PDB file of N, CA and C in Angstrom:
ATOM      1  N   UNK A   1     -41.517  99.747 215.572  1.00  0.00           N
ATOM      2  CA  UNK A   1     -42.002 101.028 215.068  1.00  0.00           C
ATOM      3  C   UNK A   1     -40.857 101.706 214.352  1.00  0.00           C
ATOM      4  N   UNK A   2     -41.136 102.254 213.208  1.00  0.00           N
ATOM      5  CA  UNK A   2     -40.157 103.008 212.486  1.00  0.00           C
ATOM      6  C   UNK A   2     -40.293 104.475 212.852  1.00  0.00           C
ATOM      7  N   UNK A   3     -39.248 105.246 212.468  1.00  0.00           N
ATOM      8  CA  UNK A   3     -39.339 106.717 212.629  1.00  0.00           C
ATOM      9  C   UNK A   3     -40.524 107.159 211.753  1.00  0.00           C
ATOM     10  N   UNK A   4     -41.265 108.126 212.300  1.00  0.00           N
ATOM     11  CA  UNK A   4     -42.439 108.622 211.512  1.00  0.00           C
ATOM     12  C   UNK A   4     -42.433 110.127 211.662  1.00  0.00           C
ATOM     13  N   UNK A   5     -42.419 110.847 210.605  1.00  0.00           N
ATOM     14  CA  UNK A   5     -42.463 112.330 210.609  1.00  0.00           C
ATOM     15  C   UNK A   5     -43.684 112.775 209.844  1.00  0.00           C
ATOM     16  N   UNK A   6     -44.469 113.632 210.426  1.00  0.00           N
ATOM     17  CA  UNK A   6     -45.687 114.098 209.807  1.00  0.00           C
ATOM     18  C   UNK A   6     -45.792 115.607 209.956  1.00  0.00           C
ATOM     19  N   UNK A   7     -46.102 116.277 208.839  1.00  0.00           N
ATOM     20  CA  UNK A   7     -46.387 117.692 208.868  1.00  0.00           C
ATOM     21  C   UNK A   7     -47.881 117.895 209.128  1.00  0.00           C
ATOM     22  N   UNK A   8     -48.235 118.487 210.238  1.00  0.00           N
ATOM     23  CA  UNK A   8     -49.659 118.706 210.618  1.00  0.00           C
ATOM     24  C   UNK A   8     -50.239 119.920 209.878  1.00  0.00           C
ATOM     25  N   UNK A   9     -51.576 119.919 209.815  1.00  0.00           N
ATOM     26  CA  UNK A   9     -52.236 121.031 209.056  1.00  0.00           C
ATOM     27  C   UNK A   9     -52.040 122.385 209.755  1.00  0.00           C
ATOM     28  N   UNK A  10     -51.746 122.412 211.049  1.00  0.00           N
ATOM     29  CA  UNK A  10     -51.593 123.677 211.777  1.00  0.00           C
ATOM     30  C   UNK A  10     -50.155 124.148 211.691  1.00  0.00           C
ATOM     31  N   UNK A  11     -49.273 123.491 210.898  1.00  0.00           N
ATOM     32  CA  UNK A  11     -47.922 123.940 210.687  1.00  0.00           C
ATOM     33  C   UNK A  11     -46.898 123.230 211.565  1.00  0.00           C
ATOM     34  N   UNK A  12     -47.368 122.540 212.621  1.00  0.00           N
ATOM     35  CA  UNK A  12     -46.431 121.814 213.477  1.00  0.00           C
ATOM     36  C   UNK A  12     -45.941 120.528 212.795  1.00  0.00           C
ATOM     37  N   UNK A  13     -44.850 120.007 213.322  1.00  0.00           N
ATOM     38  CA  UNK A  13     -44.276 118.777 212.803  1.00  0.00           C
ATOM     39  C   UNK A  13     -44.268 117.773 213.955  1.00  0.00           C
ATOM     40  N   UNK A  14     -44.778 116.553 213.695  1.00  0.00           N
ATOM     41  CA  UNK A  14     -44.811 115.496 214.674  1.00  0.00           C
ATOM     42  C   UNK A  14     -43.730 114.476 214.295  1.00  0.00           C
ATOM     43  N   UNK A  15     -42.873 114.127 215.255  1.00  0.00           N
ATOM     44  CA  UNK A  15     -41.867 113.082 215.068  1.00  0.00           C
ATOM     45  C   UNK A  15     -42.130 111.988 216.081  1.00  0.00           C
ATOM     46  N   UNK A  16     -42.283 110.778 215.556  1.00  0.00           N
ATOM     47  CA  UNK A  16     -42.514 109.620 216.408  1.00  0.00           C
ATOM     48  C   UNK A  16     -41.349 108.621 216.236  1.00  0.00           C
ATOM     49  N   UNK A  17     -40.880 108.081 217.335  1.00  0.00           N
ATOM     50  CA  UNK A  17     -39.777 107.103 217.269  1.00  0.00           C
ATOM     51  C   UNK A  17     -39.866 106.182 218.511  1.00  0.00           C
ATOM     52  N   UNK A  18     -39.488 105.006 218.342  1.00  0.00           N
ATOM     53  CA  UNK A  18     -39.465 104.043 219.454  1.00  0.00           C
ATOM     54  C   UNK A  18     -38.048 104.129 220.112  1.00  0.00           C
ATOM     55  N   UNK A  19     -38.063 104.338 221.439  1.00  0.00           N
ATOM     56  CA  UNK A  19     -36.791 104.423 222.167  1.00  0.00           C
ATOM     57  C   UNK A  19     -36.819 103.363 223.264  1.00  0.00           C
ATOM     58  N   UNK A  20     -35.907 102.414 223.170  1.00  0.00           N
ATOM     59  CA  UNK A  20     -35.868 101.306 224.154  1.00  0.00           C
ATOM     60  C   UNK A  20     -37.214 100.674 224.315  1.00  0.00           C
ATOM     61  N   UNK A  21     -37.964 100.459 223.255  1.00  0.00           N
ATOM     62  CA  UNK A  21     -39.247  99.782 223.261  1.00  0.00           C
ATOM     63  C   UNK A  21     -40.435 100.640 223.640  1.00  0.00           C
ATOM     64  N   UNK A  22     -40.148 101.930 223.903  1.00  0.00           N
ATOM     65  CA  UNK A  22     -41.265 102.847 224.291  1.00  0.00           C
ATOM     66  C   UNK A  22     -41.492 103.887 223.174  1.00  0.00           C
ATOM     67  N   UNK A  23     -42.699 103.999 222.718  1.00  0.00           N
ATOM     68  CA  UNK A  23     -42.978 105.016 221.669  1.00  0.00           C
ATOM     69  C   UNK A  23     -42.880 106.405 222.218  1.00  0.00           C
ATOM     70  N   UNK A  24     -42.141 107.275 221.554  1.00  0.00           N
ATOM     71  CA  UNK A  24     -41.968 108.718 221.968  1.00  0.00           C
ATOM     72  C   UNK A  24     -42.439 109.600 220.806  1.00  0.00           C
ATOM     73  N   UNK A  25     -43.205 110.588 221.146  1.00  0.00           N
ATOM     74  CA  UNK A  25     -43.731 111.557 220.176  1.00  0.00           C
ATOM     75  C   UNK A  25     -43.262 112.952 220.606  1.00  0.00           C
ATOM     76  N   UNK A  26     -42.717 113.712 219.706  1.00  0.00           N
ATOM     77  CA  UNK A  26     -42.235 115.091 219.868  1.00  0.00           C
ATOM     78  C   UNK A  26     -42.961 115.954 218.883  1.00  0.00           C
ATOM     79  N   UNK A  27     -43.562 117.083 219.335  1.00  0.00           N
ATOM     80  CA  UNK A  27     -44.160 118.024 218.422  1.00  0.00           C
ATOM     81  C   UNK A  27     -43.295 119.276 218.346  1.00  0.00           C
ATOM     82  N   UNK A  28     -43.020 119.733 217.161  1.00  0.00           N
ATOM     83  CA  UNK A  28     -42.250 120.939 216.941  1.00  0.00           C
ATOM     84  C   UNK A  28     -43.183 122.006 216.428  1.00  0.00           C
ATOM     85  N   UNK A  29     -43.006 123.235 216.870  1.00  0.00           N
ATOM     86  CA  UNK A  29     -43.921 124.300 216.467  1.00  0.00           C
ATOM     87  C   UNK A  29     -43.683 124.686 215.019  1.00  0.00           C
ATOM     88  N   UNK A  30     -44.596 125.506 214.498  1.00  0.00           N
ATOM     89  CA  UNK A  30     -44.526 125.957 213.098  1.00  0.00           C
ATOM     90  C   UNK A  30     -43.267 126.712 212.855  1.00  0.00           C
ATOM     91  N   UNK A  31     -42.906 127.569 213.797  1.00  0.00           N
ATOM     92  CA  UNK A  31     -41.688 128.383 213.622  1.00  0.00           C
ATOM     93  C   UNK A  31     -40.599 127.866 214.572  1.00  0.00           C
ATOM     94  N   UNK A  32     -39.392 127.818 214.102  1.00  0.00           N
ATOM     95  CA  UNK A  32     -38.277 127.429 214.898  1.00  0.00           C
ATOM     96  C   UNK A  32     -38.006 128.538 215.972  1.00  0.00           C
ATOM     97  N   UNK A  33     -37.826 128.125 217.187  1.00  0.00           N
ATOM     98  CA  UNK A  33     -37.486 129.024 218.261  1.00  0.00           C
ATOM     99  C   UNK A  33     -36.160 128.487 218.841  1.00  0.00           C
ATOM    100  N   UNK A  34     -35.056 129.168 218.543  1.00  0.00           N
ATOM    101  CA  UNK A  34     -33.759 128.649 218.937  1.00  0.00           C
ATOM    102  C   UNK A  34     -33.638 128.413 220.454  1.00  0.00           C
ATOM    103  N   UNK A  35     -34.275 129.310 221.250  1.00  0.00           N
ATOM    104  CA  UNK A  35     -34.194 129.132 222.690  1.00  0.00           C
ATOM    105  C   UNK A  35     -34.830 127.841 223.116  1.00  0.00           C
ATOM    106  N   UNK A  36     -36.059 127.543 222.583  1.00  0.00           N
ATOM    107  CA  UNK A  36     -36.732 126.304 222.934  1.00  0.00           C
ATOM    108  C   UNK A  36     -35.977 125.115 222.435  1.00  0.00           C
ATOM    109  N   UNK A  37     -35.465 125.162 221.204  1.00  0.00           N
ATOM    110  CA  UNK A  37     -34.708 124.020 220.651  1.00  0.00           C
ATOM    111  C   UNK A  37     -33.485 123.746 221.498  1.00  0.00           C
ATOM    112  N   UNK A  38     -32.762 124.789 221.957  1.00  0.00           N
ATOM    113  CA  UNK A  38     -31.583 124.571 222.825  1.00  0.00           C
ATOM    114  C   UNK A  38     -31.990 123.946 224.164  1.00  0.00           C
ATOM    115  N   UNK A  39     -33.125 124.382 224.717  1.00  0.00           N
ATOM    116  CA  UNK A  39     -33.591 123.801 225.981  1.00  0.00           C
ATOM    117  C   UNK A  39     -33.944 122.327 225.826  1.00  0.00           C
ATOM    118  N   UNK A  40     -34.595 121.981 224.739  1.00  0.00           N
ATOM    119  CA  UNK A  40     -34.972 120.566 224.447  1.00  0.00           C
ATOM    120  C   UNK A  40     -33.686 119.754 224.280  1.00  0.00           C
ATOM    121  N   UNK A  41     -32.740 120.284 223.498  1.00  0.00           N
ATOM    122  CA  UNK A  41     -31.491 119.579 223.301  1.00  0.00           C
ATOM    123  C   UNK A  41     -30.782 119.335 224.635  1.00  0.00           C
ATOM    124  N   UNK A  42     -30.744 120.300 225.448  1.00  0.00           N
ATOM    125  CA  UNK A  42     -30.099 120.224 226.796  1.00  0.00           C
ATOM    126  C   UNK A  42     -30.811 119.160 227.656  1.00  0.00           C
ATOM    127  N   UNK A  43     -32.107 119.172 227.662  1.00  0.00           N
ATOM    128  CA  UNK A  43     -32.866 118.146 228.403  1.00  0.00           C
ATOM    129  C   UNK A  43     -32.556 116.740 227.950  1.00  0.00           C
ATOM    130  N   UNK A  44     -32.512 116.569 226.657  1.00  0.00           N
ATOM    131  CA  UNK A  44     -32.240 115.216 226.107  1.00  0.00           C
ATOM    132  C   UNK A  44     -30.814 114.820 226.473  1.00  0.00           C
ATOM    133  N   UNK A  45     -29.823 115.687 226.305  1.00  0.00           N
ATOM    134  CA  UNK A  45     -28.479 115.328 226.649  1.00  0.00           C
ATOM    135  C   UNK A  45     -28.288 115.117 228.155  1.00  0.00           C
ATOM    136  N   UNK A  46     -28.951 115.871 229.004  1.00  0.00           N
ATOM    137  CA  UNK A  46     -28.885 115.674 230.421  1.00  0.00           C
ATOM    138  C   UNK A  46     -29.465 114.308 230.819  1.00  0.00           C
ATOM    139  N   UNK A  47     -30.575 113.909 230.201  1.00  0.00           N
ATOM    140  CA  UNK A  47     -31.160 112.559 230.457  1.00  0.00           C
ATOM    141  C   UNK A  47     -30.254 111.474 229.975  1.00  0.00           C
ATOM    142  N   UNK A  48     -29.619 111.694 228.837  1.00  0.00           N
ATOM    143  CA  UNK A  48     -28.657 110.691 228.323  1.00  0.00           C
ATOM    144  C   UNK A  48     -27.458 110.533 229.282  1.00  0.00           C
ATOM    145  N   UNK A  49     -26.911 111.680 229.740  1.00  0.00           N
ATOM    146  CA  UNK A  49     -25.765 111.618 230.630  1.00  0.00           C
ATOM    147  C   UNK A  49     -26.175 110.963 231.990  1.00  0.00           C
ATOM    148  N   UNK A  50     -27.365 111.241 232.480  1.00  0.00           N
ATOM    149  CA  UNK A  50     -27.819 110.617 233.685  1.00  0.00           C
ATOM    150  C   UNK A  50     -27.977 109.129 233.554  1.00  0.00           C
ATOM    151  N   UNK A  51     -28.517 108.703 232.447  1.00  0.00           N
ATOM    152  CA  UNK A  51     -28.670 107.217 232.209  1.00  0.00           C
ATOM    153  C   UNK A  51     -27.291 106.588 232.154  1.00  0.00           C
ATOM    154  N   UNK A  52     -26.382 107.188 231.428  1.00  0.00           N
ATOM    155  CA  UNK A  52     -25.021 106.631 231.340  1.00  0.00           C
ATOM    156  C   UNK A  52     -24.376 106.530 232.739  1.00  0.00           C
ATOM    157  N   UNK A  53     -24.555 107.566 233.539  1.00  0.00           N
ATOM    158  CA  UNK A  53     -24.010 107.549 234.908  1.00  0.00           C
ATOM    159  C   UNK A  53     -24.646 106.428 235.711  1.00  0.00           C
ATOM    160  N   UNK A  54     -25.949 106.252 235.618  1.00  0.00           N
ATOM    161  CA  UNK A  54     -26.618 105.193 236.316  1.00  0.00           C
ATOM    162  C   UNK A  54     -26.113 103.832 235.902  1.00  0.00           C
ATOM    163  N   UNK A  55     -25.815 103.688 234.658  1.00  0.00           N
ATOM    164  CA  UNK A  55     -25.327 102.421 234.129  1.00  0.00           C
ATOM    165  C   UNK A  55     -23.848 102.222 234.367  1.00  0.00           C
ATOM    166  N   UNK A  56     -23.221 103.232 234.963  1.00  0.00           N
ATOM    167  CA  UNK A  56     -21.779 103.145 235.267  1.00  0.00           C
ATOM    168  C   UNK A  56     -20.872 103.348 234.051  1.00  0.00           C
ATOM    169  N   UNK A  57     -21.377 104.002 233.055  1.00  0.00           N
ATOM    170  CA  UNK A  57     -20.556 104.247 231.860  1.00  0.00           C
ATOM    171  C   UNK A  57     -20.258 105.726 231.765  1.00  0.00           C
ATOM    172  N   UNK A  58     -19.123 106.043 231.191  1.00  0.00           N
ATOM    173  CA  UNK A  58     -18.687 107.385 230.948  1.00  0.00           C
ATOM    174  C   UNK A  58     -19.446 108.013 229.766  1.00  0.00           C
ATOM    175  N   UNK A  59     -20.018 109.185 229.892  1.00  0.00           N
ATOM    176  CA  UNK A  59     -20.741 109.838 228.823  1.00  0.00           C
ATOM    177  C   UNK A  59     -19.758 110.706 228.057  1.00  0.00           C
ATOM    178  N   UNK A  60     -20.003 110.887 226.775  1.00  0.00           N
ATOM    179  CA  UNK A  60     -19.236 111.817 225.942  1.00  0.00           C
ATOM    180  C   UNK A  60     -19.727 113.282 226.122  1.00  0.00           C
ATOM    181  N   UNK A  61     -20.846 113.417 226.794  1.00  0.00           N
ATOM    182  CA  UNK A  61     -21.422 114.736 226.932  1.00  0.00           C
ATOM    183  C   UNK A  61     -20.960 115.368 228.290  1.00  0.00           C
ATOM    184  N   UNK A  62     -20.515 116.591 228.204  1.00  0.00           N
ATOM    185  CA  UNK A  62     -20.159 117.310 229.418  1.00  0.00           C
ATOM    186  C   UNK A  62     -20.986 118.628 229.480  1.00  0.00           C
ATOM    187  N   UNK A  63     -21.766 118.813 230.565  1.00  0.00           N
ATOM    188  CA  UNK A  63     -22.599 120.025 230.642  1.00  0.00           C
ATOM    189  C   UNK A  63     -21.777 121.256 230.512  1.00  0.00           C
ATOM    190  N   UNK A  64     -22.421 122.316 229.942  1.00  0.00           N
ATOM    191  CA  UNK A  64     -21.741 123.592 229.725  1.00  0.00           C
ATOM    192  C   UNK A  64     -21.792 124.438 230.951  1.00  0.00           C
TER     193      UNK A  64
END
């Protein structure tokens, strides 16, 4: 699966990407909300750091 970005008729943006063989879809709202974007970024980075820790590798990400 390739990256796929689609602008929906209601103003949202849909981003689809395959991550480790699993299709992932993220919907972004019509208007950017910095608070929500920061929370999503934090969740993604926390999951990445957790996976690296599980695999016994050092992550470049350090929580704030």
